[in-house]
C-alpha atoms as a PDB file:
ATOM      1  CA  UNK A   1      -0.151   0.061  -0.249  1.00  0.00           C
ATOM      2  CA  UNK A   2       2.979   2.434   0.549  1.00  0.00           C
ATOM      3  CA  UNK A   3       4.516   2.167  -3.472  1.00  0.00           C
ATOM      4  CA  UNK A   4       0.296   3.169  -4.173  1.00  0.00           C
ATOM      5  CA  UNK A   5       0.571   6.893  -1.878  1.00  0.00           C
ATOM      6  CA  UNK A   6       4.136   7.246  -3.161  1.00  0.00           C
ATOM      7  CA  UNK A   7       2.485   6.524  -6.809  1.00  0.00           C
ATOM      8  CA  UNK A   8      -0.623   9.028  -6.266  1.00  0.00           C
ATOM      9  CA  UNK A   9       1.610  11.520  -4.422  1.00  0.00           C
ATOM     10  CA  UNK A  10       4.428  11.550  -7.485  1.00  0.00           C
ATOM     11  CA  UNK A  11       1.320  12.030  -9.574  1.00  0.00           C
ATOM     12  CA  UNK A  12       0.123  15.109  -7.768  1.00  0.00           C
ATOM     13  CA  UNK A  13       3.233  16.387  -7.892  1.00  0.00           C
ATOM     14  CA  UNK A  14       3.683  16.120 -11.605  1.00  0.00           C
ATOM     15  CA  UNK A  15       0.148  17.735 -12.036  1.00  0.00           C
ATOM     16  CA  UNK A  16       1.484  20.735  -9.926  1.00  0.00           C
ATOM     17  CA  UNK A  17       4.423  21.194 -11.605  1.00  0.00           C
ATOM     18  CA  UNK A  18       2.343  21.303 -15.169  1.00  0.00           C
ATOM     19  CA  UNK A  19       0.212  24.243 -13.665  1.00  0.00           C
ATOM     20  CA  UNK A  20       3.568  26.102 -12.534  1.00  0.00           C
ATOM     21  CA  UNK A  21       4.774  25.716 -16.330  1.00  0.00           C
ATOM     22  CA  UNK A  22       1.753  26.969 -17.905  1.00  0.00           C
ATOM     23  CA  UNK A  23       1.678  29.850 -15.307  1.00  0.00           C
ATOM     24  CA  UNK A  24       5.013  30.273 -16.017  1.00  0.00           C
ATOM     25  CA  UNK A  25       4.625  30.561 -19.572  1.00  0.00           C
ATOM     26  CA  UNK A  26       1.461  32.542 -19.712  1.00  0.00           C
ATOM     27  CA  UNK A  27       3.209  35.074 -17.739  1.00  0.00           C
ATOM     28  CA  UNK A  28       6.369  35.028 -19.820  1.00  0.00           C
ATOM     29  CA  UNK A  29       4.345  35.775 -22.757  1.00  0.00           C
ATOM     30  CA  UNK A  30       2.291  38.835 -21.321  1.00  0.00           C
ATOM     31  CA  UNK A  31       6.115  40.036 -19.842  1.00  0.00           C
ATOM     32  CA  UNK A  32       7.029  39.797 -23.742  1.00  0.00           C
ATOM     33  CA  UNK A  33       3.809  41.710 -24.500  1.00  0.00           C
ATOM     34  CA  UNK A  34       3.065  38.741 -27.173  1.00  0.00           C
ATOM     35  CA  UNK A  35       0.166  38.913 -29.572  1.00  0.00           C
ATOM     36  CA  UNK A  36      -0.914  35.362 -27.781  1.00  0.00           C
ATOM     37  CA  UNK A  37      -0.949  36.382 -24.464  1.00  0.00           C
ATOM     38  CA  UNK A  38      -4.650  36.589 -23.961  1.00  0.00           C
ATOM     39  CA  UNK A  39      -4.815  32.890 -25.321  1.00  0.00           C
ATOM     40  CA  UNK A  40      -1.903  31.564 -23.334  1.00  0.00           C
ATOM     41  CA  UNK A  41      -3.562  32.927 -19.914  1.00  0.00           C
ATOM     42  CA  UNK A  42      -7.017  31.092 -20.837  1.00  0.00           C
ATOM     43  CA  UNK A  43      -5.234  28.273 -21.628  1.00  0.00           C
ATOM     44  CA  UNK A  44      -3.415  28.088 -18.463  1.00  0.00           C
ATOM     45  CA  UNK A  45      -6.443  28.332 -16.492  1.00  0.00           C
ATOM     46  CA  UNK A  46      -7.852  25.223 -18.461  1.00  0.00           C
ATOM     47  CA  UNK A  47      -4.804  23.364 -18.072  1.00  0.00           C
ATOM     48  CA  UNK A  48      -4.596  23.688 -14.342  1.00  0.00           C
ATOM     49  CA  UNK A  49      -8.589  23.464 -14.039  1.00  0.00           C
ATOM     50  CA  UNK A  50      -8.207  20.031 -15.743  1.00  0.00           C
ATOM     51  CA  UNK A  51      -5.010  18.973 -13.609  1.00  0.00           C
ATOM     52  CA  UNK A  52      -7.041  19.775 -10.450  1.00  0.00           C
ATOM     53  CA  UNK A  53      -9.878  17.445 -11.669  1.00  0.00           C
ATOM     54  CA  UNK A  54      -7.143  14.897 -12.339  1.00  0.00           C
ATOM     55  CA  UNK A  55      -6.119  15.544  -8.785  1.00  0.00           C
ATOM     56  CA  UNK A  56      -9.668  14.384  -7.568  1.00  0.00           C
ATOM     57  CA  UNK A  57      -9.607  11.513 -10.092  1.00  0.00           C
ATOM     58  CA  UNK A  58      -6.962   9.731  -7.986  1.00  0.00           C
ATOM     59  CA  UNK A  59      -9.414   9.607  -4.835  1.00  0.00           C
ATOM     60  CA  UNK A  60      -8.363  12.903  -3.306  1.00  0.00           C
ATOM     61  CA  UNK A  61     -10.683  14.984  -1.706  1.00  0.00           C
ATOM     62  CA  UNK A  62     -11.528  18.350  -2.059  1.00  0.00           C
ATOM     63  CA  UNK A  63      -9.396  20.080   0.864  1.00  0.00           C
ATOM     64  CA  UNK A  64      -6.344  18.283  -0.295  1.00  0.00           C
ATOM     65  CA  UNK A  65      -3.081  20.552  -0.444  1.00  0.00           C
ATOM     66  CA  UNK A  66      -2.000  19.498  -4.353  1.00  0.00           C
ATOM     67  CA  UNK A  67      -5.837  20.110  -5.593  1.00  0.00           C
ATOM     68  CA  UNK A  68      -6.313  23.220  -3.807  1.00  0.00           C
ATOM     69  CA  UNK A  69      -3.141  24.825  -4.927  1.00  0.00           C
ATOM     70  CA  UNK A  70      -3.655  23.693  -8.562  1.00  0.00           C
ATOM     71  CA  UNK A  71      -7.228  25.786  -8.033  1.00  0.00           C
ATOM     72  CA  UNK A  72      -4.730  28.420  -7.130  1.00  0.00           C
ATOM     73  CA  UNK A  73      -2.855  28.486  -9.963  1.00  0.00           C
ATOM     74  CA  UNK A  74      -6.260  28.573 -12.248  1.00  0.00           C
ATOM     75  CA  UNK A  75      -7.044  31.928  -9.695  1.00  0.00           C
ATOM     76  CA  UNK A  76      -3.649  33.350 -10.919  1.00  0.00           C
ATOM     77  CA  UNK A  77      -4.292  32.611 -14.565  1.00  0.00           C
ATOM     78  CA  UNK A  78      -7.275  34.073 -14.688  1.00  0.00           C
ATOM     79  CA  UNK A  79      -6.215  37.148 -13.040  1.00  0.00           C
ATOM     80  CA  UNK A  80      -3.295  37.158 -15.483  1.00  0.00           C
ATOM     81  CA  UNK A  81      -6.199  36.927 -18.481  1.00  0.00           C
ATOM     82  CA  UNK A  82      -8.225  39.565 -16.651  1.00  0.00           C
ATOM     83  CA  UNK A  83      -5.459  41.783 -15.905  1.00  0.00           C
ATOM     84  CA  UNK A  84      -4.765  41.685 -20.147  1.00  0.00           C
ATOM     85  CA  UNK A  85      -8.554  42.668 -20.965  1.00  0.00           C
ATOM     86  CA  UNK A  86      -8.623  46.234 -19.112  1.00  0.00           C
ATOM     87  CA  UNK A  87      -5.468  47.813 -20.132  1.00  0.00           C
ATOM     88  CA  UNK A  88      -6.859  46.868 -23.743  1.00  0.00           C
ATOM     89  CA  UNK A  89     -10.013  48.555 -22.656  1.00  0.00           C
ATOM     90  CA  UNK A  90      -8.381  51.408 -21.630  1.00  0.00           C
ATOM     91  CA  UNK A  91      -6.439  52.357 -24.902  1.00  0.00           C
ATOM     92  CA  UNK A  92      -9.643  51.641 -26.687  1.00  0.00           C
ATOM     93  CA  UNK A  93     -11.200  54.490 -24.586  1.00  0.00           C
ATOM     94  CA  UNK A  94      -8.086  57.042 -25.560  1.00  0.00           C
ATOM     95  CA  UNK A  95      -8.452  56.336 -29.282  1.00  0.00           C
ATOM     96  CA  UNK A  96     -12.015  57.081 -29.424  1.00  0.00           C
END
């Protein structure tokens, strides 16, 4: 049974790493002012949401720390996405 517990922990760790990498890449695209920054932020949130759901399929509860950290990455990605929308709206107002 100990081996199964370690395997689940490793799987969850890899899911959390996937969230971290998605967020890191989305932040990099925003910092570079890439044309893809909106899509990357949205994709980041989707990747992290799927990782969180996969944590639950591993038999974990909704109060599992890795699950909650994946959800926190979802929130960060969504904040990144919304922060990119508002500056564009301000630029639109200036041009009118």
